Amino acid sequence: MIKAIRFFFFMTAAVAAGLSFGPVHASIRDGFPGDEAAFKVFLLTQTWAESEIDRPFLENMDSVTPPFPAGSPYQIGDIPVISGQRTVYKFVAAYRGVSAEGEKDFHDLLVIETDASGTILDGYHYTLEWTDKPTLDLFRVSAQGVLLRDGLKISELALANVQTGSALGEEGVISLHE
């Protein structure tokens, strides 16, 4: 509940600051129009020191009983973290997109894991409104040696689909301001 309230205030502040959200580039996600482009802003929502991305969860993501976490409005509403030696950052980008049901709001989750110097070691991108087999829309960072910084373009992460290897093909930047 606190996360939902925090997210609501976060998005209200983003809109008040003049950020706008529009449809996304087409990617492997059929149903998104390819002729309209949006620039997404991935806003920092949470940071965990001494943590790591829960890789066993991701390996079994397709067999998780929805909703995850319990009570979530999404099939998979989070990528959990566990205790570890790194720092994990979670970002959310909100935007208008088109699905089979028509135009609606979408939210992309970006989870990034760094070492002590801020070098990105791993990360994942997932659309919270995804309703098919979850890993069909799970993308993993494949770039190496990239430093996490304010204004980092998500294209620099070289996000690739975990099943097909295809590139995410969307535009956006990371904002480190909570």
Protein backbone atom coordinates (compact mmCIF):
# COMPACT_ATOMS: atom_id res chain seq x y z
CA MET A 1 0.00 0.00 0.00
CA ILE A 2 2.81 2.40 0.89
CA LYS A 3 4.48 1.64 -2.45
CA ALA A 4 1.24 2.47 -4.30
CA ILE A 5 0.82 5.77 -2.44
CA ARG A 6 4.47 6.63 -3.00
CA PHE A 7 4.13 5.82 -6.70
CA PHE A 8 0.99 7.98 -6.97
CA PHE A 9 2.76 11.00 -5.45
CA PHE A 10 5.80 10.29 -7.57
CA MET A 11 3.78 10.27 -10.80
CA THR A 12 1.81 13.38 -9.74
CA ALA A 13 5.09 15.22 -9.23
CA ALA A 14 6.34 14.02 -12.62
CA VAL A 15 3.25 15.34 -14.38
CA ALA A 16 3.47 18.63 -12.44
CA ALA A 17 7.10 18.94 -13.55
CA GLY A 18 5.94 18.82 -17.16
CA LEU A 19 6.93 15.27 -18.05
CA SER A 20 4.66 13.71 -20.62
CA PHE A 21 4.23 10.12 -21.57
CA GLY A 22 3.15 8.76 -24.93
CA PRO A 23 2.99 5.50 -26.90
CA VAL A 24 6.13 3.41 -27.23
CA HIS A 25 8.09 2.17 -30.22
CA ALA A 26 7.04 -1.21 -31.48
CA SER A 27 9.17 -4.02 -30.13
CA ILE A 28 8.43 -7.70 -29.77
CA ARG A 29 5.29 -6.56 -27.95
CA ASP A 30 2.68 -6.81 -30.68
CA GLY A 31 -0.11 -4.31 -30.43
CA PHE A 32 2.05 -1.22 -30.00
CA PRO A 33 2.00 1.09 -33.01
CA GLY A 34 5.35 1.32 -34.78
CA ASP A 35 4.80 4.79 -36.23
CA GLU A 36 4.52 6.60 -32.91
CA ALA A 37 7.47 7.16 -30.58
CA ALA A 38 7.61 8.13 -26.93
CA PHE A 39 10.46 9.21 -24.78
CA LYS A 40 10.15 7.47 -21.43
CA VAL A 41 11.57 8.78 -18.18
CA PHE A 42 12.49 6.00 -15.76
CA LEU A 43 12.04 7.59 -12.34
CA LEU A 44 13.85 6.15 -9.32
CA THR A 45 11.35 4.65 -6.87
CA GLN A 46 13.52 2.54 -4.51
CA THR A 47 17.15 1.81 -3.63
CA TRP A 48 18.55 -1.12 -1.62
CA ALA A 49 22.12 -1.28 -0.35
CA GLU A 50 23.67 -4.70 0.30
CA SER A 51 21.18 -6.43 -1.99
CA GLU A 52 20.98 -8.33 -5.26
CA ILE A 53 18.31 -9.14 -7.82
CA ASP A 54 16.53 -12.38 -6.95
CA ARG A 55 17.73 -14.49 -9.89
CA PRO A 56 15.99 -17.73 -8.78
CA PHE A 57 12.70 -15.79 -8.95
CA LEU A 58 13.50 -14.67 -12.51
CA GLU A 59 14.48 -18.21 -13.55
CA ASN A 60 11.04 -19.42 -12.41
CA MET A 61 9.08 -16.29 -13.34
CA ASP A 62 6.77 -18.11 -15.74
CA SER A 63 5.64 -20.52 -13.00
CA VAL A 64 4.97 -17.88 -10.30
CA THR A 65 1.33 -17.90 -9.20
CA PRO A 66 -0.19 -14.50 -10.05
CA PRO A 67 -0.58 -11.99 -8.74
CA PHE A 68 2.94 -11.45 -7.48
CA PRO A 69 3.34 -10.03 -4.94
CA ALA A 70 0.04 -11.06 -3.36
CA GLY A 71 -2.54 -8.33 -3.79
CA SER A 72 -0.73 -6.73 -6.74
CA PRO A 73 -2.93 -5.40 -9.55
CA TYR A 74 -0.47 -6.99 -12.02
CA GLN A 75 0.34 -10.58 -12.96
CA ILE A 76 3.98 -9.89 -12.00
CA GLY A 77 4.13 -6.54 -10.22
CA ASP A 78 7.71 -6.58 -8.99
CA ILE A 79 11.14 -8.11 -9.39
CA PRO A 80 12.24 -8.94 -5.85
CA VAL A 81 15.64 -8.34 -4.26
CA ILE A 82 17.53 -10.44 -1.73
CA SER A 83 20.45 -9.75 0.62
CA GLY A 84 23.77 -9.45 -1.15
CA GLN A 85 26.90 -7.38 -1.73
CA ARG A 86 25.59 -4.90 -4.32
CA THR A 87 23.15 -2.00 -4.64
CA VAL A 88 19.81 -2.43 -6.42
CA TYR A 89 17.82 0.44 -7.94
CA LYS A 90 14.21 0.26 -9.11
CA PHE A 91 12.79 2.69 -11.68
CA VAL A 92 9.31 3.07 -13.18
CA ALA A 93 8.32 4.78 -16.44
CA ALA A 94 4.63 5.57 -17.00
CA TYR A 95 3.27 6.20 -20.49
CA ARG A 96 0.19 5.95 -22.75
CA GLY A 97 0.22 3.03 -25.13
CA VAL A 98 -2.10 0.99 -27.33
CA SER A 99 -3.07 -2.59 -26.59
CA ALA A 100 -5.74 -4.93 -27.96
CA GLU A 101 -8.18 -3.19 -25.59
CA GLY A 102 -7.31 0.28 -26.92
CA GLU A 103 -5.27 3.17 -25.55
CA LYS A 104 -4.34 2.90 -21.86
CA ASP A 105 -1.68 3.67 -19.25
CA PHE A 106 1.34 1.36 -18.99
CA HIS A 107 4.19 1.15 -16.50
CA ASP A 108 7.64 -0.24 -17.24
CA LEU A 109 9.79 -1.50 -14.38
CA LEU A 110 13.58 -1.25 -14.68
CA VAL A 111 15.68 -2.94 -11.98
CA ILE A 112 19.43 -2.31 -12.02
CA GLU A 113 22.18 -3.87 -9.88
CA THR A 114 25.53 -2.06 -9.44
CA ASP A 115 28.83 -2.60 -7.69
CA ALA A 116 30.31 -0.11 -5.19
CA SER A 117 31.69 2.07 -8.01
CA GLY A 118 28.25 2.40 -9.68
CA THR A 119 29.07 0.12 -12.61
CA ILE A 120 25.96 -1.71 -13.80
CA LEU A 121 26.44 -5.44 -13.33
CA ASP A 122 22.95 -6.66 -14.21
CA GLY A 123 19.44 -5.40 -14.80
CA TYR A 124 15.98 -6.23 -16.10
CA HIS A 125 13.12 -4.39 -17.84
CA TYR A 126 9.51 -5.57 -17.61
CA THR A 127 6.08 -4.07 -18.45
CA LEU A 128 3.86 -4.40 -15.37
CA GLU A 129 0.66 -4.67 -17.45
CA TRP A 130 2.02 -7.67 -19.39
CA THR A 131 -0.50 -10.54 -19.27
CA ASP A 132 1.09 -13.26 -21.40
CA LYS A 133 3.90 -15.57 -20.35
CA PRO A 134 6.05 -13.15 -18.27
CA THR A 135 9.43 -13.93 -19.81
CA LEU A 136 8.11 -12.95 -23.26
CA ASP A 137 8.42 -9.33 -22.07
CA LEU A 138 11.47 -9.68 -19.81
CA PHE A 139 14.57 -7.92 -21.09
CA ARG A 140 18.05 -8.16 -19.55
CA VAL A 141 20.95 -5.72 -19.63
CA SER A 142 23.67 -7.02 -21.96
CA ALA A 143 25.97 -3.96 -21.99
CA GLN A 144 29.15 -4.13 -19.94
CA GLY A 145 31.09 -1.41 -18.12
CA VAL A 146 28.24 1.15 -18.11
CA LEU A 147 28.09 3.50 -15.11
CA LEU A 148 24.69 4.26 -13.61
CA ARG A 149 24.15 8.01 -13.92
CA ASP A 150 21.37 10.55 -14.15
CA GLY A 151 20.29 10.93 -17.78
CA LEU A 152 21.61 7.51 -18.85
CA LYS A 153 19.85 6.45 -22.04
CA ILE A 154 18.26 3.02 -21.71
CA SER A 155 19.57 2.21 -25.19
CA GLU A 156 23.07 2.22 -23.61
CA LEU A 157 21.99 -0.78 -21.52
CA ALA A 158 21.56 -2.92 -24.66
CA LEU A 159 18.44 -4.56 -23.24
CA ALA A 160 17.79 -7.92 -24.91
CA ASN A 161 14.78 -10.21 -24.56
CA VAL A 162 15.66 -13.20 -22.35
CA GLN A 163 13.92 -15.65 -24.72
CA THR A 164 14.55 -14.30 -28.20
CA GLY A 165 17.61 -12.05 -27.77
CA SER A 166 15.86 -9.25 -29.67
CA ALA A 167 16.60 -5.67 -28.65
CA LEU A 168 14.06 -3.66 -26.66
CA GLY A 169 14.03 -0.87 -29.24
CA GLU A 170 12.54 1.88 -27.05
CA GLU A 171 13.81 5.30 -26.07
CA GLY A 172 14.13 6.69 -22.59
CA VAL A 173 16.41 8.00 -19.87
CA ILE A 174 17.03 7.21 -16.23
CA SER A 175 16.32 9.83 -13.57
CA LEU A 176 18.15 9.26 -10.26
CA HIS A 177 16.03 11.85 -8.42
CA GLU A 178 13.58 10.21 -6.00
